Every structure is written in C-alpha cells, then in structure tokens.
C-alpha atoms as a PDB file:
ATOM      1  CA  UNK A   1      87.981-144.962  82.268  1.00  0.00           C
ATOM      2  CA  UNK A   2      88.549-145.666  78.603  1.00  0.00           C
ATOM      3  CA  UNK A   3      91.389-147.094  76.572  1.00  0.00           C
ATOM      4  CA  UNK A   4      92.202-147.711  72.921  1.00  0.00           C
ATOM      5  CA  UNK A   5      93.900-151.106  73.568  1.00  0.00           C
ATOM      6  CA  UNK A   6      92.760-154.238  75.393  1.00  0.00           C
ATOM      7  CA  UNK A   7      96.089-154.569  77.219  1.00  0.00           C
ATOM      8  CA  UNK A   8      95.861-151.060  78.645  1.00  0.00           C
ATOM      9  CA  UNK A   9      92.228-151.676  79.669  1.00  0.00           C
ATOM     10  CA  UNK A  10      93.195-154.928  81.439  1.00  0.00           C
ATOM     11  CA  UNK A  11      95.986-153.144  83.285  1.00  0.00           C
ATOM     12  CA  UNK A  12      93.660-150.345  84.411  1.00  0.00           C
ATOM     13  CA  UNK A  13      90.981-152.835  85.507  1.00  0.00           C
ATOM     14  CA  UNK A  14      93.473-154.938  87.476  1.00  0.00           C
ATOM     15  CA  UNK A  15      94.893-151.883  89.262  1.00  0.00           C
ATOM     16  CA  UNK A  16      91.398-150.651  90.104  1.00  0.00           C
ATOM     17  CA  UNK A  17      90.315-154.101  91.357  1.00  0.00           C
ATOM     18  CA  UNK A  18      93.220-154.178  93.804  1.00  0.00           C
ATOM     19  CA  UNK A  19      92.207-150.876  95.426  1.00  0.00           C
ATOM     20  CA  UNK A  20      90.685-151.355  98.887  1.00  0.00           C
ATOM     21  CA  UNK A  21      87.541-149.387  98.005  1.00  0.00           C
ATOM     22  CA  UNK A  22      86.760-151.948  95.261  1.00  0.00           C
ATOM     23  CA  UNK A  23      87.492-155.101  97.292  1.00  0.00           C
ATOM     24  CA  UNK A  24      85.114-157.963  96.328  1.00  0.00           C
ATOM     25  CA  UNK A  25      83.641-155.826  93.533  1.00  0.00           C
ATOM     26  CA  UNK A  26      83.864-156.750  89.847  1.00  0.00           C
ATOM     27  CA  UNK A  27      85.582-154.260  87.519  1.00  0.00           C
ATOM     28  CA  UNK A  28      84.269-154.880  83.990  1.00  0.00           C
ATOM     29  CA  UNK A  29      86.070-154.432  80.664  1.00  0.00           C
ATOM     30  CA  UNK A  30      83.586-153.564  77.921  1.00  0.00           C
ATOM     31  CA  UNK A  31      84.329-152.960  74.236  1.00  0.00           C
ATOM     32  CA  UNK A  32      82.196-150.410  72.370  1.00  0.00           C
ATOM     33  CA  UNK A  33      82.119-150.896  68.589  1.00  0.00           C
ATOM     34  CA  UNK A  34      80.706-147.391  68.046  1.00  0.00           C
ATOM     35  CA  UNK A  35      83.591-145.542  69.658  1.00  0.00           C
ATOM     36  CA  UNK A  36      86.162-148.353  69.209  1.00  0.00           C
ATOM     37  CA  UNK A  37      87.258-147.934  72.840  1.00  0.00           C
ATOM     38  CA  UNK A  38      87.496-150.319  75.768  1.00  0.00           C
ATOM     39  CA  UNK A  39      85.782-149.080  78.926  1.00  0.00           C
ATOM     40  CA  UNK A  40      86.660-150.052  82.501  1.00  0.00           C
ATOM     41  CA  UNK A  41      83.882-149.616  85.035  1.00  0.00           C
ATOM     42  CA  UNK A  42      81.960-151.213  87.901  1.00  0.00           C
ATOM     43  CA  UNK A  43      78.710-150.923  85.928  1.00  0.00           C
ATOM     44  CA  UNK A  44      78.030-154.072  83.896  1.00  0.00           C
ATOM     45  CA  UNK A  45      75.236-152.533  81.809  1.00  0.00           C
ATOM     46  CA  UNK A  46      75.752-153.680  78.212  1.00  0.00           C
ATOM     47  CA  UNK A  47      74.153-151.856  75.295  1.00  0.00           C
ATOM     48  CA  UNK A  48      73.527-153.315  71.842  1.00  0.00           C
ATOM     49  CA  UNK A  49      76.780-151.946  70.396  1.00  0.00           C
ATOM     50  CA  UNK A  50      78.936-153.157  73.303  1.00  0.00           C
ATOM     51  CA  UNK A  51      80.511-156.489  74.246  1.00  0.00           C
ATOM     52  CA  UNK A  52      81.697-157.652  77.670  1.00  0.00           C
ATOM     53  CA  UNK A  53      85.313-158.822  77.406  1.00  0.00           C
ATOM     54  CA  UNK A  54      85.847-159.967  80.988  1.00  0.00           C
ATOM     55  CA  UNK A  55      86.284-158.638  84.495  1.00  0.00           C
ATOM     56  CA  UNK A  56      88.725-158.425  87.388  1.00  0.00           C
ATOM     57  CA  UNK A  57      87.767-159.133  90.973  1.00  0.00           C
ATOM     58  CA  UNK A  58      90.441-158.745  93.665  1.00  0.00           C
ATOM     59  CA  UNK A  59      93.122-158.820  90.960  1.00  0.00           C
ATOM     60  CA  UNK A  60      91.885-162.073  89.379  1.00  0.00           C
ATOM     61  CA  UNK A  61      90.824-161.927  85.708  1.00  0.00           C
ATOM     62  CA  UNK A  62      87.788-163.867  84.455  1.00  0.00           C
ATOM     63  CA  UNK A  63      87.063-164.133  80.725  1.00  0.00           C
ATOM     64  CA  UNK A  64      83.426-163.722  79.683  1.00  0.00           C
ATOM     65  CA  UNK A  65      82.202-166.485  77.367  1.00  0.00           C
END
C-alpha cells in the first residue's frame, strides 16, 4: 500500500497490524525519495533511495533510529 502523507501511512500500518492475520508481525513504513511516497508493507527490504520510518506491531508504533 502506498500513501502521499506520513499520517495516512501510519494509519494504514496501524490498521493492518491489528488484523489477526498479521498478529506478531511487523508492518513497516518506508519512505521512497524517488517516488515521494510512503509504503506500508511486511517486507523490510530497504533500497538505496528508501528510508525506514518506523513500524507497527500489534498496534504499537516503534520509531526507527
């Protein structure tokens, strides 16, 4: 899933992390500078033009440092 704003991406990630099929699974929020979109996914693969913002697990947000 992709979003133009960080707030929308956080909302999508939180909702997805609360689904029973994603219980105890991290849902990552990744920003891509090429496309200028935020991506929400279970895949944490980061490419050179992307930056991990944080992730939700069971509805709890953790900021990446």
